[in-house]
């Protein structure tokens, strides 16, 4: 994770989790996943993502 970034894009999420574009967008729709929508752009706050990962590390998340 890049230390200078404050917000991640869906493309960044694809690289971080090593998933495809559709799965990344599905993940952004999971209840509780931290996102900010600006128009049609989806952004993910870095610190909230770190917190979400630590809170969900033992959970199984099913994506369509």
PDB file of N, CA and C in Angstrom:
ATOM      1  N   UNK A   1       0.844  -1.182   0.000  1.00  0.00           N
ATOM      2  CA  UNK A   1       0.000   0.000   0.000  1.00  0.00           C
ATOM      3  C   UNK A   1       0.885   1.240   0.000  1.00  0.00           C
ATOM      4  N   UNK A   2       0.579   2.151  -0.878  1.00  0.00           N
ATOM      5  CA  UNK A   2       1.361   3.370  -1.043  1.00  0.00           C
ATOM      6  C   UNK A   2       1.115   4.316   0.131  1.00  0.00           C
ATOM      7  N   UNK A   3       2.188   4.740   0.786  1.00  0.00           N
ATOM      8  CA  UNK A   3       2.067   5.600   1.968  1.00  0.00           C
ATOM      9  C   UNK A   3       1.557   6.996   1.654  1.00  0.00           C
ATOM     10  N   UNK A   4       1.747   7.469   0.414  1.00  0.00           N
ATOM     11  CA  UNK A   4       1.343   8.823   0.074  1.00  0.00           C
ATOM     12  C   UNK A   4      -0.146   8.933  -0.250  1.00  0.00           C
ATOM     13  N   UNK A   5      -0.758   7.844  -0.659  1.00  0.00           N
ATOM     14  CA  UNK A   5      -2.170   7.878  -1.026  1.00  0.00           C
ATOM     15  C   UNK A   5      -3.056   7.943   0.211  1.00  0.00           C
ATOM     16  N   UNK A   6      -4.088   8.745   0.125  1.00  0.00           N
ATOM     17  CA  UNK A   6      -5.078   8.842   1.197  1.00  0.00           C
ATOM     18  C   UNK A   6      -6.343   8.093   0.784  1.00  0.00           C
ATOM     19  N   UNK A   7      -6.609   8.098  -0.520  1.00  0.00           N
ATOM     20  CA  UNK A   7      -7.763   7.405  -1.084  1.00  0.00           C
ATOM     21  C   UNK A   7      -7.294   6.448  -2.168  1.00  0.00           C
ATOM     22  N   UNK A   8      -7.886   5.270  -2.200  1.00  0.00           N
ATOM     23  CA  UNK A   8      -7.594   4.303  -3.248  1.00  0.00           C
ATOM     24  C   UNK A   8      -8.712   4.318  -4.282  1.00  0.00           C
ATOM     25  N   UNK A   9      -8.366   3.957  -5.500  1.00  0.00           N
ATOM     26  CA  UNK A   9      -9.361   3.769  -6.556  1.00  0.00           C
ATOM     27  C   UNK A   9      -9.703   2.281  -6.624  1.00  0.00           C
ATOM     28  N   UNK A  10     -10.690   1.949  -7.415  1.00  0.00           N
ATOM     29  CA  UNK A  10     -11.041   0.541  -7.606  1.00  0.00           C
ATOM     30  C   UNK A  10      -9.866  -0.198  -8.248  1.00  0.00           C
ATOM     31  N   UNK A  11      -9.130   0.459  -9.124  1.00  0.00           N
ATOM     32  CA  UNK A  11      -7.941  -0.150  -9.733  1.00  0.00           C
ATOM     33  C   UNK A  11      -6.906  -0.495  -8.665  1.00  0.00           C
ATOM     34  N   UNK A  12      -6.733   0.391  -7.690  1.00  0.00           N
ATOM     35  CA  UNK A  12      -5.810   0.103  -6.580  1.00  0.00           C
ATOM     36  C   UNK A  12      -6.286  -1.116  -5.794  1.00  0.00           C
ATOM     37  N   UNK A  13      -7.598  -1.207  -5.564  1.00  0.00           N
ATOM     38  CA  UNK A  13      -8.168  -2.337  -4.820  1.00  0.00           C
ATOM     39  C   UNK A  13      -7.929  -3.638  -5.589  1.00  0.00           C
ATOM     40  N   UNK A  14      -8.037  -3.573  -6.911  1.00  0.00           N
ATOM     41  CA  UNK A  14      -7.757  -4.750  -7.746  1.00  0.00           C
ATOM     42  C   UNK A  14      -6.334  -5.247  -7.508  1.00  0.00           C
ATOM     43  N   UNK A  15      -5.393  -4.329  -7.439  1.00  0.00           N
ATOM     44  CA  UNK A  15      -3.984  -4.692  -7.239  1.00  0.00           C
ATOM     45  C   UNK A  15      -3.725  -5.170  -5.811  1.00  0.00           C
ATOM     46  N   UNK A  16      -4.306  -4.507  -4.834  1.00  0.00           N
ATOM     47  CA  UNK A  16      -4.087  -4.863  -3.426  1.00  0.00           C
ATOM     48  C   UNK A  16      -4.597  -6.271  -3.141  1.00  0.00           C
ATOM     49  N   UNK A  17      -5.814  -6.571  -3.604  1.00  0.00           N
ATOM     50  CA  UNK A  17      -6.437  -7.862  -3.311  1.00  0.00           C
ATOM     51  C   UNK A  17      -6.194  -8.907  -4.403  1.00  0.00           C
ATOM     52  N   UNK A  18      -5.540  -8.484  -5.498  1.00  0.00           N
ATOM     53  CA  UNK A  18      -5.272  -9.381  -6.626  1.00  0.00           C
ATOM     54  C   UNK A  18      -6.561 -10.026  -7.145  1.00  0.00           C
ATOM     55  N   UNK A  19      -7.533  -9.144  -7.448  1.00  0.00           N
ATOM     56  CA  UNK A  19      -8.817  -9.577  -7.984  1.00  0.00           C
ATOM     57  C   UNK A  19      -9.107  -8.781  -9.248  1.00  0.00           C
ATOM     58  N   UNK A  20     -10.061  -9.253 -10.013  1.00  0.00           N
ATOM     59  CA  UNK A  20     -10.447  -8.576 -11.241  1.00  0.00           C
ATOM     60  C   UNK A  20     -11.343  -7.373 -10.981  1.00  0.00           C
ATOM     61  N   UNK A  21     -11.627  -6.660 -12.060  1.00  0.00           N
ATOM     62  CA  UNK A  21     -12.416  -5.433 -11.985  1.00  0.00           C
ATOM     63  C   UNK A  21     -13.827  -5.687 -11.436  1.00  0.00           C
ATOM     64  N   UNK A  22     -14.514  -6.706 -11.954  1.00  0.00           N
ATOM     65  CA  UNK A  22     -15.880  -6.977 -11.501  1.00  0.00           C
ATOM     66  C   UNK A  22     -15.913  -7.350 -10.025  1.00  0.00           C
ATOM     67  N   UNK A  23     -14.975  -8.183  -9.580  1.00  0.00           N
ATOM     68  CA  UNK A  23     -14.918  -8.570  -8.165  1.00  0.00           C
ATOM     69  C   UNK A  23     -14.593  -7.358  -7.289  1.00  0.00           C
ATOM     70  N   UNK A  24     -13.752  -6.458  -7.783  1.00  0.00           N
ATOM     71  CA  UNK A  24     -13.415  -5.253  -7.020  1.00  0.00           C
ATOM     72  C   UNK A  24     -14.664  -4.381  -6.827  1.00  0.00           C
ATOM     73  N   UNK A  25     -15.463  -4.227  -7.886  1.00  0.00           N
ATOM     74  CA  UNK A  25     -16.697  -3.451  -7.756  1.00  0.00           C
ATOM     75  C   UNK A  25     -17.700  -4.173  -6.848  1.00  0.00           C
ATOM     76  N   UNK A  26     -17.753  -5.508  -6.933  1.00  0.00           N
ATOM     77  CA  UNK A  26     -18.627  -6.278  -6.034  1.00  0.00           C
ATOM     78  C   UNK A  26     -18.199  -6.085  -4.585  1.00  0.00           C
ATOM     79  N   UNK A  27     -16.889  -6.091  -4.338  1.00  0.00           N
ATOM     80  CA  UNK A  27     -16.379  -5.886  -2.987  1.00  0.00           C
ATOM     81  C   UNK A  27     -16.785  -4.513  -2.456  1.00  0.00           C
ATOM     82  N   UNK A  28     -16.747  -3.513  -3.322  1.00  0.00           N
ATOM     83  CA  UNK A  28     -17.132  -2.158  -2.911  1.00  0.00           C
ATOM     84  C   UNK A  28     -18.603  -2.068  -2.532  1.00  0.00           C
ATOM     85  N   UNK A  29     -19.404  -3.027  -2.980  1.00  0.00           N
ATOM     86  CA  UNK A  29     -20.837  -3.039  -2.658  1.00  0.00           C
ATOM     87  C   UNK A  29     -21.146  -3.834  -1.390  1.00  0.00           C
ATOM     88  N   UNK A  30     -20.143  -4.521  -0.828  1.00  0.00           N
ATOM     89  CA  UNK A  30     -20.351  -5.297   0.390  1.00  0.00           C
ATOM     90  C   UNK A  30     -20.685  -4.349   1.535  1.00  0.00           C
ATOM     91  N   UNK A  31     -21.716  -4.705   2.290  1.00  0.00           N
ATOM     92  CA  UNK A  31     -22.134  -3.860   3.418  1.00  0.00           C
ATOM     93  C   UNK A  31     -20.970  -3.690   4.391  1.00  0.00           C
ATOM     94  N   UNK A  32     -20.676  -2.454   4.733  1.00  0.00           N
ATOM     95  CA  UNK A  32     -19.604  -2.162   5.673  1.00  0.00           C
ATOM     96  C   UNK A  32     -18.265  -1.862   5.023  1.00  0.00           C
ATOM     97  N   UNK A  33     -18.126  -2.170   3.709  1.00  0.00           N
ATOM     98  CA  UNK A  33     -16.869  -1.863   3.027  1.00  0.00           C
ATOM     99  C   UNK A  33     -16.805  -0.343   2.838  1.00  0.00           C
ATOM    100  N   UNK A  34     -15.684   0.280   3.226  1.00  0.00           N
ATOM    101  CA  UNK A  34     -15.609   1.748   3.216  1.00  0.00           C
ATOM    102  C   UNK A  34     -15.430   2.330   1.815  1.00  0.00           C
ATOM    103  N   UNK A  35     -16.433   3.036   1.345  1.00  0.00           N
ATOM    104  CA  UNK A  35     -16.332   3.700   0.044  1.00  0.00           C
ATOM    105  C   UNK A  35     -16.868   5.123   0.125  1.00  0.00           C
ATOM    106  N   UNK A  36     -16.381   5.920  -0.789  1.00  0.00           N
ATOM    107  CA  UNK A  36     -16.893   7.275  -0.991  1.00  0.00           C
ATOM    108  C   UNK A  36     -17.218   7.375  -2.470  1.00  0.00           C
ATOM    109  N   UNK A  37     -18.435   7.795  -2.790  1.00  0.00           N
ATOM    110  CA  UNK A  37     -18.820   7.967  -4.187  1.00  0.00           C
ATOM    111  C   UNK A  37     -18.796   9.448  -4.525  1.00  0.00           C
ATOM    112  N   UNK A  38     -18.074   9.781  -5.575  1.00  0.00           N
ATOM    113  CA  UNK A  38     -18.063  11.149  -6.095  1.00  0.00           C
ATOM    114  C   UNK A  38     -18.473  11.038  -7.555  1.00  0.00           C
ATOM    115  N   UNK A  39     -19.720  11.388  -7.817  1.00  0.00           N
ATOM    116  CA  UNK A  39     -20.275  11.155  -9.146  1.00  0.00           C
ATOM    117  C   UNK A  39     -20.320   9.654  -9.376  1.00  0.00           C
ATOM    118  N   UNK A  40     -19.694   9.206 -10.460  1.00  0.00           N
ATOM    119  CA  UNK A  40     -19.665   7.759 -10.726  1.00  0.00           C
ATOM    120  C   UNK A  40     -18.335   7.143 -10.293  1.00  0.00           C
ATOM    121  N   UNK A  41     -17.473   7.931  -9.679  1.00  0.00           N
ATOM    122  CA  UNK A  41     -16.172   7.435  -9.226  1.00  0.00           C
ATOM    123  C   UNK A  41     -16.281   6.905  -7.798  1.00  0.00           C
ATOM    124  N   UNK A  42     -15.717   5.729  -7.578  1.00  0.00           N
ATOM    125  CA  UNK A  42     -15.703   5.111  -6.257  1.00  0.00           C
ATOM    126  C   UNK A  42     -14.299   5.206  -5.680  1.00  0.00           C
ATOM    127  N   UNK A  43     -14.193   5.764  -4.477  1.00  0.00           N
ATOM    128  CA  UNK A  43     -12.910   5.887  -3.791  1.00  0.00           C
ATOM    129  C   UNK A  43     -12.988   5.195  -2.447  1.00  0.00           C
ATOM    130  N   UNK A  44     -11.844   4.683  -1.994  1.00  0.00           N
ATOM    131  CA  UNK A  44     -11.777   3.938  -0.743  1.00  0.00           C
ATOM    132  C   UNK A  44     -10.750   4.600   0.162  1.00  0.00           C
ATOM    133  N   UNK A  45     -11.167   5.121   1.326  1.00  0.00           N
ATOM    134  CA  UNK A  45     -10.228   5.757   2.251  1.00  0.00           C
ATOM    135  C   UNK A  45      -9.232   4.729   2.810  1.00  0.00           C
ATOM    136  N   UNK A  46      -7.957   5.063   2.737  1.00  0.00           N
ATOM    137  CA  UNK A  46      -6.883   4.153   3.132  1.00  0.00           C
ATOM    138  C   UNK A  46      -7.012   3.679   4.576  1.00  0.00           C
ATOM    139  N   UNK A  47      -7.172   4.593   5.506  1.00  0.00           N
ATOM    140  CA  UNK A  47      -7.215   4.226   6.928  1.00  0.00           C
ATOM    141  C   UNK A  47      -8.442   3.382   7.246  1.00  0.00           C
ATOM    142  N   UNK A  48      -9.578   3.709   6.638  1.00  0.00           N
ATOM    143  CA  UNK A  48     -10.785   2.921   6.869  1.00  0.00           C
ATOM    144  C   UNK A  48     -10.653   1.534   6.254  1.00  0.00           C
ATOM    145  N   UNK A  49      -9.939   1.421   5.123  1.00  0.00           N
ATOM    146  CA  UNK A  49      -9.698   0.117   4.514  1.00  0.00           C
ATOM    147  C   UNK A  49      -8.846  -0.750   5.429  1.00  0.00           C
ATOM    148  N   UNK A  50      -7.788  -0.166   6.006  1.00  0.00           N
ATOM    149  CA  UNK A  50      -6.938  -0.910   6.939  1.00  0.00           C
ATOM    150  C   UNK A  50      -7.766  -1.431   8.113  1.00  0.00           C
ATOM    151  N   UNK A  51      -8.637  -0.573   8.643  1.00  0.00           N
ATOM    152  CA  UNK A  51      -9.488  -0.957   9.766  1.00  0.00           C
ATOM    153  C   UNK A  51     -10.451  -2.069   9.346  1.00  0.00           C
ATOM    154  N   UNK A  52     -11.055  -1.939   8.176  1.00  0.00           N
ATOM    155  CA  UNK A  52     -11.995  -2.945   7.677  1.00  0.00           C
ATOM    156  C   UNK A  52     -11.294  -4.295   7.512  1.00  0.00           C
ATOM    157  N   UNK A  53     -10.076  -4.281   6.986  1.00  0.00           N
ATOM    158  CA  UNK A  53      -9.322  -5.525   6.803  1.00  0.00           C
ATOM    159  C   UNK A  53      -9.058  -6.186   8.148  1.00  0.00           C
ATOM    160  N   UNK A  54      -8.605  -5.403   9.135  1.00  0.00           N
ATOM    161  CA  UNK A  54      -8.297  -5.989  10.438  1.00  0.00           C
ATOM    162  C   UNK A  54      -9.556  -6.523  11.128  1.00  0.00           C
ATOM    163  N   UNK A  55     -10.686  -5.867  10.929  1.00  0.00           N
ATOM    164  CA  UNK A  55     -11.937  -6.301  11.543  1.00  0.00           C
ATOM    165  C   UNK A  55     -12.530  -7.526  10.839  1.00  0.00           C
ATOM    166  N   UNK A  56     -12.149  -7.760   9.591  1.00  0.00           N
ATOM    167  CA  UNK A  56     -12.748  -8.829   8.804  1.00  0.00           C
ATOM    168  C   UNK A  56     -11.758  -9.908   8.387  1.00  0.00           C
ATOM    169  N   UNK A  57     -10.590  -9.948   9.012  1.00  0.00           N
ATOM    170  CA  UNK A  57      -9.565 -10.893   8.582  1.00  0.00           C
ATOM    171  C   UNK A  57      -9.954 -12.344   8.794  1.00  0.00           C
ATOM    172  N   UNK A  58     -10.844 -12.637   9.709  1.00  0.00           N
ATOM    173  CA  UNK A  58     -11.267 -14.016   9.950  1.00  0.00           C
ATOM    174  C   UNK A  58     -12.634 -14.322   9.338  1.00  0.00           C
ATOM    175  N   UNK A  59     -13.155 -13.379   8.555  1.00  0.00           N
ATOM    176  CA  UNK A  59     -14.478 -13.547   7.945  1.00  0.00           C
ATOM    177  C   UNK A  59     -14.351 -14.078   6.521  1.00  0.00           C
ATOM    178  N   UNK A  60     -15.402 -14.783   6.094  1.00  0.00           N
ATOM    179  CA  UNK A  60     -15.484 -15.213   4.717  1.00  0.00           C
ATOM    180  C   UNK A  60     -16.450 -14.279   4.007  1.00  0.00           C
ATOM    181  N   UNK A  61     -16.013 -13.683   2.910  1.00  0.00           N
ATOM    182  CA  UNK A  61     -16.842 -12.759   2.170  1.00  0.00           C
ATOM    183  C   UNK A  61     -17.167 -13.396   0.831  1.00  0.00           C
ATOM    184  N   UNK A  62     -18.448 -13.562   0.558  1.00  0.00           N
ATOM    185  CA  UNK A  62     -18.878 -14.175  -0.686  1.00  0.00           C
ATOM    186  C   UNK A  62     -19.284 -13.084  -1.664  1.00  0.00           C
ATOM    187  N   UNK A  63     -18.661 -13.107  -2.827  1.00  0.00           N
ATOM    188  CA  UNK A  63     -18.965 -12.143  -3.877  1.00  0.00           C
ATOM    189  C   UNK A  63     -19.700 -12.867  -4.999  1.00  0.00           C
ATOM    190  N   UNK A  64     -20.677 -12.220  -5.609  1.00  0.00           N
ATOM    191  CA  UNK A  64     -21.440 -12.874  -6.697  1.00  0.00           C
ATOM    192  C   UNK A  64     -20.554 -13.247  -7.877  1.00  0.00           C
TER     193      UNK A  64
END
